[in-house]
Amino acid sequence: MLRCREEVLAFTKQLVQIESIVNTDGEKAIAHWLFQLLSSFPYFMNHPTHIALSPTIGDDMERYNVLAFVKGTKGASNRTVILMGHMDTVGIDDFNHLKDYACSPDELMERLKYQELPFCAKQHIESGDWLFGRGVLDMKSGLASHLYLLKYYSEHPEQLDGNIVFLAECDEEDGSHGILSALKILKKWRKEHGFDYIAAINADFVSPRFEGDENRYIYKGTVGKLLPSFFITGAETHVGSCFEGLDPNFIAAELTKQIDYNPTLCNEAYGETTVPPVSLKQTDLKPSYTVQTALSAYVYYNFFIHSWSPKDVLEKLKQEAMVAFQRALSLFEERYQQYCSLSGEPFTPIPWQPRVLTYEEMEQLLVKEHGDAFTAHMERFKQELLLNKELDTRMFSVRVVEEAWKWMKDKSPAIILFYSSLYSPRIELTGKTKKEQVLIAALEQAVKAIQPHYQHPIVIRNFFPYISDMSFVALSDDEDGIKAVAKNNPSWGTKHYVEYQDIRDLNIPVINIGPYGMDAHKKLERMEITYSTEMVPNLTHRVIQKLIG
């Protein structure tokens, strides 16, 4: 067993003290700090070309990845293992009056002792084996573990018959510009140094799956994440004549009722099931108050997948939207009839029918109807919209759909289904290739070797359950699945673009061995020191030794 606790803990605290909130200058600051630290290691002083401070590509912000590699001297193998983890964190506003101490774990914990805390958190803070603070769990302790191992192997290259690549990426918490840019460097190094990437080990956090769960999980592969979005149009009317029109918010409410928490939209694979979709935004698109009903509404949902493709999800959600639309119209008609009975007004049959189109279907229809005039107009519109830096990809996308809708000849109520954000691909790691088989065997042997040194069960599962940059080093989707993303994302090629071919070109089997803790992205974010600073580095070390030792 490596005696690494104190050094990993020290690295963790140093990393946490740099406030590196995503989409702020803190991302740039931590990258520069980390690069300077690596530059001070004797190995990199002697091999300065083995480290890189690499700017992101196609990014609105100036920020960097930090990459480094150690070439083993034990043999002549080109087998290479990537140690990856992100430097950025979510914000600290949730710390409220303790905000100034969010990135100072020791000071924060001293103040938390005098706060009213949940029983579990109070136990942890009194135990002396837990560290609190923004980023301690997600995922600076994981990055610290990799940093320790990079330093260790830089001092002991004779233990490697192969190579170690260290990758600290930015922007994991938002748009993944970091990992997507880093793929270019990884491909470049493969060409220049002959690296044969046989495995990647991520170090993102793991947590209990349910209350009372004592397992510490290691994951093969990862969940995929989509953001299916719906532009909903109604029929505008004055609120004093509400049944003469159709409120798109009414349809949106029925749609959310149909999709939110719906277990039929959970994706089971290899005995593991995703959580169901849940709404992340629901709004109408009225710019200000009027007594007219809204012209349109917008709603989008988080959607996790294990085995379904983006194309599968579109087909399933198109069906769900049709069901929701029909239910909305049936309820509208029922209430209209009840109102007419109460008021004595005559009932007029409603004129609308359920109508659901994907963005691709709507665009094809408009190109057929309007040709180059529509295509040229939309290209100009997107370029002008890019000038509005306040629009994220989600709002950019819906504005494109809204503009395209203006060209529709039939403007009766409809739902347009599209994707409005980054697709984080799912990864299945099942042993279908020789590299996967070797990695799985190494992982299983590492767990078997380390388990006797730790009191709680260390359990291997198939899909990392949270969004992570693991999604961008391998690809399980076929071409049709990826085309469904590109063809149905209105911001594709302007506000948003991913070179999925870079991922397919590398296609590296990936696992996650990360720190254990609770309440990531919350004020009481904390990690267990023993597992995170002792077991995690040793598990990772064992896997490396089995692969290239």
Protein backbone atom coordinates (compact mmCIF):
# COMPACT_ATOMS: atom_id res chain seq x y z
CA MET A 1 0.00 0.00 0.00
CA LEU A 2 1.24 3.47 -0.91
CA ARG A 3 1.47 5.78 2.12
CA CYS A 4 -0.27 8.67 0.44
CA ARG A 5 -2.88 10.05 2.84
CA GLU A 6 -1.14 13.22 3.99
CA GLU A 7 0.18 14.20 0.57
CA VAL A 8 -3.17 13.67 -1.19
CA LEU A 9 -4.94 15.58 1.57
CA ALA A 10 -2.48 18.45 1.25
CA PHE A 11 -2.94 18.57 -2.54
CA THR A 12 -6.71 18.54 -2.01
CA LYS A 13 -6.65 21.54 0.30
CA GLN A 14 -4.32 23.45 -2.02
CA LEU A 15 -6.64 22.84 -4.97
CA VAL A 16 -9.77 23.71 -2.99
CA GLN A 17 -8.31 27.01 -1.83
CA ILE A 18 -8.23 28.19 -5.44
CA GLU A 19 -11.79 29.30 -6.17
CA SER A 20 -12.26 27.81 -9.64
CA ILE A 21 -15.96 28.26 -10.28
CA VAL A 22 -16.95 27.29 -13.80
CA ASN A 23 -17.19 30.16 -16.30
CA THR A 24 -15.10 32.50 -14.14
CA ASP A 25 -11.45 33.57 -14.21
CA GLY A 26 -10.88 31.07 -11.41
CA GLU A 27 -10.66 28.33 -14.03
CA LYS A 28 -7.73 30.14 -15.60
CA ALA A 29 -6.11 30.71 -12.20
CA ILE A 30 -6.18 27.06 -11.14
CA ALA A 31 -4.80 25.90 -14.49
CA HIS A 32 -1.85 28.27 -14.20
CA TRP A 33 -1.25 27.22 -10.60
CA LEU A 34 -1.32 23.53 -11.50
CA PHE A 35 0.98 24.03 -14.47
CA GLN A 36 3.50 25.86 -12.27
CA LEU A 37 3.32 23.10 -9.68
CA LEU A 38 4.01 20.41 -12.27
CA SER A 39 6.83 22.50 -13.70
CA SER A 40 8.51 22.37 -10.31
CA PHE A 41 8.65 18.55 -10.25
CA PRO A 42 12.19 17.38 -11.08
CA TYR A 43 10.96 15.07 -13.86
CA PHE A 44 9.27 17.92 -15.70
CA MET A 45 12.17 20.26 -15.09
CA ASN A 46 14.22 17.71 -17.04
CA HIS A 47 11.41 17.05 -19.55
CA PRO A 48 9.65 20.41 -20.05
CA THR A 49 8.04 19.25 -23.30
CA HIS A 50 6.13 16.60 -21.35
CA ILE A 51 3.74 19.18 -19.86
CA ALA A 52 1.31 21.54 -21.56
CA LEU A 53 -0.92 24.44 -20.60
CA SER A 54 -3.40 24.10 -23.43
CA PRO A 55 -6.13 26.65 -24.27
CA THR A 56 -9.62 25.45 -25.07
CA ILE A 57 -10.90 25.55 -28.66
CA GLY A 58 -14.06 27.27 -29.87
CA ASP A 59 -14.71 28.70 -26.43
CA ASP A 60 -16.14 32.11 -25.54
CA MET A 61 -13.82 32.20 -22.51
CA GLU A 62 -10.07 32.09 -22.01
CA ARG A 63 -9.36 28.94 -20.03
CA TYR A 64 -6.95 26.05 -20.14
CA ASN A 65 -6.39 22.35 -19.66
CA VAL A 66 -3.23 21.06 -18.01
CA LEU A 67 -1.71 17.90 -19.50
CA ALA A 68 1.44 15.99 -18.66
CA PHE A 69 2.95 12.59 -19.32
CA VAL A 70 5.58 10.33 -17.83
CA LYS A 71 7.31 7.78 -20.03
CA GLY A 72 8.10 4.53 -18.25
CA THR A 73 11.61 3.08 -18.38
CA LYS A 74 10.83 -0.50 -17.33
CA GLY A 75 10.32 -1.58 -20.94
CA ALA A 76 9.61 -0.34 -24.44
CA SER A 77 5.80 -0.66 -24.41
CA ASN A 78 3.67 2.15 -25.85
CA ARG A 79 0.66 1.19 -23.73
CA THR A 80 -0.63 4.34 -22.09
CA VAL A 81 -3.09 4.99 -19.25
CA ILE A 82 -4.84 8.36 -18.92
CA LEU A 83 -5.60 9.79 -15.48
CA MET A 84 -8.32 12.40 -15.92
CA GLY A 85 -10.27 14.81 -13.74
CA HIS A 86 -11.74 18.30 -13.79
CA MET A 87 -10.53 21.44 -12.04
CA ASP A 88 -13.71 23.53 -12.04
CA THR A 89 -16.51 23.59 -9.48
CA VAL A 90 -20.05 24.83 -9.22
CA GLY A 91 -20.69 28.18 -7.51
CA ILE A 92 -20.62 29.05 -3.81
CA ASP A 93 -23.71 31.23 -3.37
CA ASP A 94 -25.45 28.40 -1.50
CA PHE A 95 -22.99 28.89 1.39
CA ASN A 96 -24.78 32.18 2.22
CA HIS A 97 -23.06 33.85 5.21
CA LEU A 98 -20.28 31.25 5.11
CA LYS A 99 -19.48 32.06 1.48
CA ASP A 100 -16.09 33.57 2.35
CA TYR A 101 -15.01 30.23 3.84
CA ALA A 102 -16.44 27.90 1.18
CA CYS A 103 -12.99 27.23 -0.28
CA SER A 104 -11.13 27.14 3.06
CA PRO A 105 -12.00 23.70 4.49
CA ASP A 106 -10.39 24.05 7.93
CA GLU A 107 -11.95 27.47 8.60
CA LEU A 108 -15.29 26.38 7.20
CA MET A 109 -15.42 23.30 9.41
CA GLU A 110 -14.57 25.33 12.49
CA ARG A 111 -17.58 27.56 11.80
CA LEU A 112 -19.88 24.70 10.83
CA LYS A 113 -19.37 23.17 14.27
CA TYR A 114 -21.48 25.98 15.69
CA GLN A 115 -24.26 25.64 13.12
CA GLU A 116 -27.37 23.51 13.30
CA LEU A 117 -26.50 20.55 11.12
CA PRO A 118 -28.30 17.35 10.08
CA PHE A 119 -27.37 14.45 12.34
CA CYS A 120 -25.26 12.71 9.69
CA ALA A 121 -23.25 15.85 8.85
CA LYS A 122 -22.75 16.59 12.56
CA GLN A 123 -21.37 13.08 13.08
CA HIS A 124 -19.02 13.51 10.14
CA ILE A 125 -17.64 16.86 11.24
CA GLU A 126 -16.98 15.51 14.73
CA SER A 127 -15.31 12.31 13.47
CA GLY A 128 -12.17 13.98 12.15
CA ASP A 129 -12.29 11.79 9.02
CA TRP A 130 -14.34 14.10 6.82
CA LEU A 131 -13.40 17.26 4.95
CA PHE A 132 -16.00 19.92 4.07
CA GLY A 133 -15.87 22.64 1.40
CA ARG A 134 -16.67 23.48 -2.19
CA GLY A 135 -14.88 21.09 -4.49
CA VAL A 136 -13.46 18.75 -1.83
CA LEU A 137 -15.68 15.98 -3.21
CA ASP A 138 -16.49 17.19 -6.74
CA MET A 139 -13.75 16.59 -7.55
CA LYS A 140 -10.56 18.14 -6.28
CA SER A 141 -9.73 15.23 -3.98
CA GLY A 142 -9.96 12.96 -7.02
CA LEU A 143 -7.70 15.28 -8.97
CA ALA A 144 -5.34 15.34 -5.97
CA SER A 145 -5.16 11.53 -6.08
CA HIS A 146 -4.14 11.64 -9.74
CA LEU A 147 -1.67 14.44 -9.01
CA TYR A 148 -0.06 12.32 -6.31
CA LEU A 149 0.23 9.35 -8.69
CA LEU A 150 1.70 11.50 -11.45
CA LYS A 151 4.34 12.76 -9.02
CA TYR A 152 4.97 9.23 -7.75
CA TYR A 153 5.50 7.80 -11.22
CA SER A 154 7.61 10.78 -12.28
CA GLU A 155 9.91 9.75 -9.42
CA HIS A 156 9.64 6.02 -10.24
CA PRO A 157 9.41 5.68 -14.04
CA GLU A 158 11.20 2.36 -13.69
CA GLN A 159 7.91 0.91 -12.39
CA LEU A 160 6.17 1.54 -15.71
CA ASP A 161 6.34 -0.57 -18.85
CA GLY A 162 4.31 2.06 -20.63
CA ASN A 163 3.23 5.63 -20.04
CA ILE A 164 1.00 7.75 -17.81
CA VAL A 165 -0.88 10.78 -19.17
CA PHE A 166 -2.33 13.23 -16.65
CA LEU A 167 -5.25 15.38 -17.82
CA ALA A 168 -6.80 18.13 -15.69
CA GLU A 169 -9.63 19.63 -17.69
CA CYS A 170 -11.72 22.77 -17.27
CA ASP A 171 -15.43 23.42 -17.89
CA GLU A 172 -16.75 20.01 -16.85
CA GLU A 173 -19.60 21.62 -14.91
CA ASP A 174 -21.04 23.34 -17.99
CA GLY A 175 -20.12 22.81 -21.63
CA SER A 176 -17.18 20.36 -21.50
CA HIS A 177 -15.00 22.64 -23.65
CA GLY A 178 -12.05 21.30 -21.67
CA ILE A 179 -12.22 17.61 -22.48
CA LEU A 180 -13.39 18.23 -26.06
CA SER A 181 -10.35 20.46 -26.63
CA ALA A 182 -8.03 18.01 -24.89
CA LEU A 183 -8.94 15.29 -27.38
CA LYS A 184 -6.89 17.17 -29.99
CA ILE A 185 -3.80 17.07 -27.75
CA LEU A 186 -4.31 13.39 -26.97
CA LYS A 187 -4.50 12.60 -30.68
CA LYS A 188 -1.41 14.75 -31.32
CA TRP A 189 0.58 12.97 -28.62
CA ARG A 190 -0.54 9.59 -29.94
CA LYS A 191 0.94 10.51 -33.31
CA GLU A 192 4.12 12.10 -31.93
CA HIS A 193 4.94 9.58 -29.21
CA GLY A 194 3.18 6.45 -30.44
CA PHE A 195 0.94 6.25 -27.38
CA ASP A 196 -1.45 3.32 -27.40
CA TYR A 197 -4.26 4.47 -25.12
CA ILE A 198 -5.47 1.30 -23.44
CA ALA A 199 -7.48 2.82 -20.56
CA ALA A 200 -8.65 6.04 -18.94
CA ILE A 201 -9.30 6.37 -15.22
CA ASN A 202 -11.54 9.21 -14.13
CA ALA A 203 -11.68 10.29 -10.46
CA ASP A 204 -15.09 11.92 -10.10
CA PHE A 205 -16.97 11.54 -6.84
CA VAL A 206 -19.17 8.66 -5.74
CA SER A 207 -21.97 8.76 -3.17
CA PRO A 208 -24.46 6.43 -1.48
CA ARG A 209 -27.24 5.31 -3.81
CA PHE A 210 -29.81 5.36 -1.00
CA GLU A 211 -30.01 6.14 2.72
CA GLY A 212 -28.00 3.65 4.72
CA ASP A 213 -25.97 2.48 1.72
CA GLU A 214 -22.45 1.73 2.98
CA ASN A 215 -20.96 0.66 -0.37
CA ARG A 216 -18.15 2.60 -2.04
CA TYR A 217 -18.74 2.34 -5.77
CA ILE A 218 -16.42 2.04 -8.72
CA TYR A 219 -17.98 2.41 -12.16
CA LYS A 220 -17.27 0.91 -15.57
CA GLY A 221 -18.58 3.23 -18.27
CA THR A 222 -21.06 6.02 -17.68
CA VAL A 223 -24.61 7.21 -18.10
CA GLY A 224 -25.46 9.32 -21.14
CA LYS A 225 -27.22 12.66 -20.78
CA LEU A 226 -29.56 14.50 -23.15
CA LEU A 227 -31.64 17.65 -22.88
CA PRO A 228 -34.82 17.03 -24.89
CA SER A 229 -36.63 20.35 -25.32
CA PHE A 230 -40.10 21.35 -26.48
CA PHE A 231 -41.27 24.54 -28.19
CA ILE A 232 -45.05 24.66 -27.75
CA THR A 233 -47.37 26.95 -29.67
CA GLY A 234 -50.99 27.65 -28.86
CA ALA A 235 -53.69 29.92 -30.20
CA GLU A 236 -53.52 33.42 -28.76
CA THR A 237 -56.59 35.03 -27.24
CA HIS A 238 -57.63 37.70 -24.78
CA VAL A 239 -57.97 36.31 -21.27
CA GLY A 240 -61.58 37.54 -21.20
CA SER A 241 -62.32 35.11 -24.03
CA CYS A 242 -60.05 32.34 -22.89
CA PHE A 243 -61.82 29.47 -24.64
CA GLU A 244 -61.41 31.13 -28.02
CA GLY A 245 -57.70 30.31 -27.89
CA LEU A 246 -55.38 27.64 -26.53
CA ASP A 247 -52.84 28.51 -23.84
CA PRO A 248 -49.48 26.84 -24.64
CA ASN A 249 -48.73 26.77 -20.90
CA PHE A 250 -51.73 24.45 -20.53
CA ILE A 251 -50.16 22.03 -23.01
CA ALA A 252 -46.76 22.42 -21.35
CA ALA A 253 -48.25 21.53 -17.97
CA GLU A 254 -49.76 18.34 -19.39
CA LEU A 255 -46.47 17.52 -21.09
CA THR A 256 -44.56 17.85 -17.83
CA LYS A 257 -47.18 15.72 -16.09
CA GLN A 258 -46.60 13.07 -18.76
CA ILE A 259 -42.77 13.12 -18.71
CA ASP A 260 -41.68 14.16 -15.21
CA TYR A 261 -40.75 11.20 -12.99
CA ASN A 262 -42.24 8.79 -15.54
CA PRO A 263 -40.73 5.32 -14.82
CA THR A 264 -41.54 4.11 -18.34
CA LEU A 265 -38.84 6.53 -19.49
CA CYS A 266 -36.17 4.91 -17.30
CA ASN A 267 -33.59 3.03 -19.35
CA GLU A 268 -32.53 -0.36 -17.96
CA ALA A 269 -29.36 -2.08 -19.15
CA TYR A 270 -27.21 -4.81 -17.56
CA GLY A 271 -29.45 -4.82 -14.50
CA GLU A 272 -29.06 -1.09 -13.82
CA THR A 273 -31.75 1.54 -14.35
CA THR A 274 -31.49 5.28 -14.93
CA VAL A 275 -33.51 7.74 -12.91
CA PRO A 276 -36.53 9.08 -14.84
CA PRO A 277 -36.49 12.44 -16.64
CA VAL A 278 -37.23 15.58 -14.68
CA SER A 279 -38.01 19.14 -15.75
CA LEU A 280 -35.16 21.66 -15.60
CA LYS A 281 -37.07 24.60 -17.07
CA GLN A 282 -40.66 25.48 -17.90
CA THR A 283 -41.64 28.94 -19.08
CA ASP A 284 -43.62 30.82 -21.67
CA LEU A 285 -41.83 33.12 -24.10
CA LYS A 286 -43.80 36.32 -23.53
CA PRO A 287 -41.33 39.17 -23.14
CA SER A 288 -43.58 41.15 -20.77
CA TYR A 289 -47.01 41.25 -19.15
CA THR A 290 -50.09 41.54 -21.35
CA VAL A 291 -53.66 40.31 -21.03
CA GLN A 292 -53.16 38.10 -24.07
CA THR A 293 -52.32 34.45 -23.54
CA ALA A 294 -48.80 33.48 -24.53
CA LEU A 295 -47.97 32.64 -28.12
CA SER A 296 -45.52 29.92 -27.13
CA ALA A 297 -43.98 28.04 -24.22
CA TYR A 298 -40.66 26.28 -23.68
CA VAL A 299 -39.80 23.33 -21.49
CA TYR A 300 -36.82 21.01 -21.26
CA TYR A 301 -35.98 17.90 -19.28
CA ASN A 302 -32.91 16.10 -18.05
CA PHE A 303 -32.83 12.65 -19.65
CA PHE A 304 -30.37 9.88 -18.73
CA ILE A 305 -29.69 6.84 -20.92
CA HIS A 306 -27.81 3.55 -20.61
CA SER A 307 -28.55 1.76 -23.88
CA TRP A 308 -30.97 3.99 -25.79
CA SER A 309 -29.59 6.26 -28.49
CA PRO A 310 -30.52 9.93 -28.99
CA LYS A 311 -32.64 8.74 -31.92
CA ASP A 312 -34.50 6.29 -29.66
CA VAL A 313 -35.22 9.07 -27.17
CA LEU A 314 -36.69 11.33 -29.86
CA GLU A 315 -39.02 8.56 -31.00
CA LYS A 316 -40.15 7.79 -27.44
CA LEU A 317 -40.69 11.44 -26.51
CA LYS A 318 -42.57 12.19 -29.72
CA GLN A 319 -45.06 9.52 -28.67
CA GLU A 320 -45.26 10.91 -25.12
CA ALA A 321 -45.83 14.41 -26.48
CA MET A 322 -48.68 13.17 -28.66
CA VAL A 323 -50.30 11.55 -25.62
CA ALA A 324 -49.88 14.74 -23.58
CA PHE A 325 -51.24 16.92 -26.39
CA GLN A 326 -54.33 14.72 -26.80
CA ARG A 327 -54.96 14.75 -23.05
CA ALA A 328 -54.59 18.52 -22.95
CA LEU A 329 -57.14 18.94 -25.75
CA SER A 330 -59.56 16.47 -24.15
CA LEU A 331 -59.33 18.26 -20.81
CA PHE A 332 -59.71 21.65 -22.53
CA GLU A 333 -62.86 20.43 -24.30
CA GLU A 334 -64.28 18.93 -21.10
CA ARG A 335 -63.77 22.16 -19.17
CA TYR A 336 -65.11 24.26 -22.02
CA GLN A 337 -68.31 22.18 -22.05
CA GLN A 338 -68.63 22.54 -18.27
CA TYR A 339 -68.19 26.29 -18.58
CA CYS A 340 -70.82 26.51 -21.32
CA SER A 341 -73.25 24.60 -19.11
CA LEU A 342 -72.64 27.05 -16.28
CA SER A 343 -72.71 30.22 -18.37
CA GLY A 344 -75.39 29.31 -20.90
CA GLU A 345 -73.07 30.17 -23.78
CA PRO A 346 -73.19 27.91 -26.85
CA PHE A 347 -70.46 25.25 -27.15
CA THR A 348 -68.37 25.29 -30.32
CA PRO A 349 -66.34 22.19 -31.15
CA ILE A 350 -62.63 22.84 -30.80
CA PRO A 351 -60.73 23.09 -34.10
CA TRP A 352 -57.34 21.73 -33.06
CA GLN A 353 -55.67 18.33 -33.40
CA PRO A 354 -52.50 17.04 -31.68
CA ARG A 355 -49.44 17.87 -33.75
CA VAL A 356 -45.85 16.97 -32.82
CA LEU A 357 -42.82 17.46 -35.07
CA THR A 358 -39.13 17.02 -34.44
CA TYR A 359 -36.97 20.01 -35.37
CA GLU A 360 -35.54 17.98 -38.24
CA GLU A 361 -39.03 17.29 -39.59
CA MET A 362 -40.04 20.95 -39.33
CA GLU A 363 -36.84 22.11 -41.01
CA GLN A 364 -37.27 19.63 -43.88
CA LEU A 365 -40.85 20.85 -44.37
CA LEU A 366 -39.77 24.50 -44.44
CA VAL A 367 -36.90 23.85 -46.86
CA LYS A 368 -39.35 22.05 -49.14
CA GLU A 369 -41.84 24.94 -48.95
CA HIS A 370 -39.46 27.93 -49.07
CA GLY A 371 -36.14 26.61 -50.40
CA ASP A 372 -33.06 28.81 -50.31
CA ALA A 373 -34.96 31.84 -49.00
CA PHE A 374 -35.64 30.04 -45.70
CA THR A 375 -32.15 28.54 -45.46
CA ALA A 376 -30.41 31.89 -46.11
CA HIS A 377 -32.67 33.73 -43.68
CA MET A 378 -32.05 31.26 -40.87
CA GLU A 379 -28.29 31.36 -41.40
CA ARG A 380 -28.33 35.17 -41.13
CA PHE A 381 -30.58 34.97 -38.08
CA LYS A 382 -28.24 32.56 -36.29
CA GLN A 383 -25.19 34.72 -37.02
CA GLU A 384 -26.96 37.80 -35.64
CA LEU A 385 -28.12 35.83 -32.61
CA LEU A 386 -24.53 34.84 -31.87
CA LEU A 387 -23.82 38.49 -31.08
CA ASN A 388 -26.01 38.18 -27.98
CA LYS A 389 -23.48 36.71 -25.56
CA GLU A 390 -26.09 36.44 -22.80
CA LEU A 391 -27.87 33.59 -24.59
CA ASP A 392 -26.72 30.14 -23.57
CA THR A 393 -27.13 27.23 -25.99
CA ARG A 394 -30.56 26.40 -24.56
CA MET A 395 -32.06 29.84 -25.12
CA PHE A 396 -30.18 30.23 -28.41
CA SER A 397 -31.76 27.00 -29.63
CA VAL A 398 -35.32 27.94 -28.75
CA ARG A 399 -34.94 31.35 -30.40
CA VAL A 400 -33.91 29.56 -33.60
CA VAL A 401 -36.97 27.30 -33.39
CA GLU A 402 -39.19 30.30 -32.68
CA GLU A 403 -37.85 32.10 -35.76
CA ALA A 404 -38.25 29.04 -37.97
CA TRP A 405 -41.83 28.65 -36.75
CA LYS A 406 -42.68 32.06 -38.24
CA TRP A 407 -42.18 30.48 -41.69
CA MET A 408 -44.75 27.73 -41.07
CA LYS A 409 -47.85 28.07 -43.26
CA ASP A 410 -49.96 26.03 -40.87
CA LYS A 411 -49.69 27.81 -37.53
CA SER A 412 -52.23 25.75 -35.66
CA PRO A 413 -51.00 24.64 -32.20
CA ALA A 414 -48.04 22.31 -32.26
CA ILE A 415 -45.15 20.89 -30.25
CA ILE A 416 -41.65 21.00 -31.76
CA LEU A 417 -39.22 18.53 -30.18
CA PHE A 418 -35.46 19.18 -30.31
CA TYR A 419 -32.20 19.01 -28.36
CA SER A 420 -30.91 22.27 -26.97
CA SER A 421 -27.66 21.39 -25.25
CA LEU A 422 -24.60 19.18 -25.22
CA TYR A 423 -25.12 15.45 -25.57
CA SER A 424 -22.88 13.58 -23.14
CA PRO A 425 -22.67 10.10 -24.70
CA ARG A 426 -23.34 6.92 -22.77
CA ILE A 427 -20.50 4.40 -22.49
CA GLU A 428 -20.96 0.66 -22.07
CA LEU A 429 -17.87 -1.18 -20.80
CA THR A 430 -18.76 -4.85 -21.05
CA GLY A 431 -15.67 -6.69 -22.23
CA LYS A 432 -16.54 -6.64 -25.91
CA THR A 433 -12.94 -5.81 -26.87
CA LYS A 434 -9.57 -7.07 -25.68
CA LYS A 435 -8.77 -3.66 -24.11
CA GLU A 436 -12.04 -3.72 -22.18
CA GLN A 437 -11.40 -7.26 -20.96
CA VAL A 438 -7.92 -6.37 -19.74
CA LEU A 439 -9.16 -3.23 -17.94
CA ILE A 440 -12.06 -5.05 -16.25
CA ALA A 441 -9.72 -7.81 -15.07
CA ALA A 442 -7.23 -5.23 -13.71
CA LEU A 443 -10.02 -3.42 -11.88
CA GLU A 444 -11.42 -6.58 -10.32
CA GLN A 445 -7.95 -7.65 -9.15
CA ALA A 446 -7.30 -4.18 -7.68
CA VAL A 447 -10.52 -4.25 -5.68
CA LYS A 448 -9.74 -7.74 -4.42
CA ALA A 449 -6.27 -6.58 -3.28
CA ILE A 450 -7.43 -3.37 -1.56
CA GLN A 451 -10.70 -4.54 0.03
CA PRO A 452 -8.99 -6.19 3.06
CA HIS A 453 -7.51 -2.78 3.97
CA TYR A 454 -10.92 -1.05 4.17
CA GLN A 455 -13.96 -1.68 6.35
CA HIS A 456 -16.79 -0.90 3.88
CA PRO A 457 -17.61 -2.90 0.71
CA ILE A 458 -16.02 -1.66 -2.51
CA VAL A 459 -18.52 -2.52 -5.25
CA ILE A 460 -18.17 -2.36 -9.04
CA ARG A 461 -21.17 -1.18 -11.08
CA ASN A 462 -21.70 -0.63 -14.81
CA PHE A 463 -22.76 3.00 -15.25
CA PHE A 464 -21.42 6.08 -13.48
CA PRO A 465 -24.74 7.77 -12.60
CA TYR A 466 -23.80 11.44 -12.98
CA ILE A 467 -22.77 13.63 -15.90
CA SER A 468 -19.01 13.57 -16.37
CA ASP A 469 -16.24 14.03 -18.91
CA MET A 470 -15.91 10.25 -19.10
CA SER A 471 -18.54 10.58 -21.85
CA PHE A 472 -16.02 12.15 -24.20
CA VAL A 473 -13.25 9.56 -24.37
CA ALA A 474 -15.30 6.69 -25.84
CA LEU A 475 -18.43 6.33 -27.93
CA SER A 476 -21.02 3.55 -27.86
CA ASP A 477 -23.50 5.26 -30.24
CA ASP A 478 -23.60 4.47 -33.94
CA GLU A 479 -23.69 7.10 -36.70
CA ASP A 480 -27.51 7.30 -36.70
CA GLY A 481 -27.54 8.12 -33.01
CA ILE A 482 -25.08 10.97 -33.42
CA LYS A 483 -26.88 12.28 -36.53
CA ALA A 484 -30.07 12.52 -34.49
CA VAL A 485 -28.24 14.93 -32.17
CA ALA A 486 -26.79 17.05 -34.98
CA LYS A 487 -29.98 17.23 -37.07
CA ASN A 488 -32.21 18.10 -34.12
CA ASN A 489 -30.09 20.69 -32.32
CA PRO A 490 -30.94 24.16 -33.73
CA SER A 491 -27.65 25.60 -32.45
CA TRP A 492 -25.54 22.94 -34.16
CA GLY A 493 -22.72 24.40 -36.22
CA THR A 494 -23.11 27.92 -34.85
CA LYS A 495 -23.50 28.22 -31.08
CA HIS A 496 -22.74 24.57 -30.47
CA TYR A 497 -20.68 21.88 -32.17
CA VAL A 498 -18.95 18.70 -31.04
CA GLU A 499 -16.46 16.77 -33.14
CA TYR A 500 -17.73 13.34 -32.14
CA GLN A 501 -15.30 11.80 -34.61
CA ASP A 502 -12.45 12.80 -32.28
CA ILE A 503 -14.06 10.65 -29.59
CA ARG A 504 -14.58 7.76 -32.00
CA ASP A 505 -10.95 8.04 -33.15
CA LEU A 506 -9.68 7.54 -29.59
CA ASN A 507 -12.41 5.27 -28.16
CA ILE A 508 -10.62 4.57 -24.87
CA PRO A 509 -12.17 2.18 -22.30
CA VAL A 510 -12.88 4.26 -19.19
CA ILE A 511 -13.62 3.58 -15.54
CA ASN A 512 -14.23 5.82 -12.53
CA ILE A 513 -12.36 5.39 -9.25
CA GLY A 514 -13.25 8.49 -7.28
CA PRO A 515 -13.53 9.98 -3.78
CA TYR A 516 -16.46 9.05 -1.57
CA GLY A 517 -18.68 11.61 0.06
CA MET A 518 -22.02 13.35 0.27
CA ASP A 519 -23.89 16.50 -0.70
CA ALA A 520 -21.94 17.42 -3.84
CA HIS A 521 -23.11 20.79 -5.21
CA LYS A 522 -24.57 21.63 -1.78
CA LYS A 523 -23.40 23.67 1.19
CA LEU A 524 -22.45 20.56 3.18
CA GLU A 525 -20.35 19.02 0.40
CA ARG A 526 -17.87 16.71 2.09
CA MET A 527 -15.62 13.74 1.46
CA GLU A 528 -14.44 10.86 3.62
CA ILE A 529 -10.71 11.29 4.05
CA THR A 530 -9.68 7.66 4.56
CA TYR A 531 -11.33 6.27 1.44
CA SER A 532 -10.63 9.31 -0.74
CA THR A 533 -6.97 9.87 0.13
CA GLU A 534 -5.85 6.28 0.82
CA MET A 535 -8.08 3.76 -0.97
CA VAL A 536 -8.64 5.74 -4.18
CA PRO A 537 -4.93 6.32 -4.97
CA ASN A 538 -4.10 2.72 -4.09
CA LEU A 539 -6.91 1.27 -6.17
CA THR A 540 -5.83 3.40 -9.12
CA HIS A 541 -2.18 2.48 -8.54
CA ARG A 542 -3.08 -1.23 -8.56
CA VAL A 543 -4.99 -0.89 -11.83
CA ILE A 544 -2.04 0.93 -13.41
CA GLN A 545 0.36 -1.75 -12.21
CA LYS A 546 -1.81 -4.50 -13.70
CA LEU A 547 -2.05 -2.66 -17.02
CA ILE A 548 1.48 -1.31 -17.51
CA GLY A 549 3.48 -2.22 -14.43
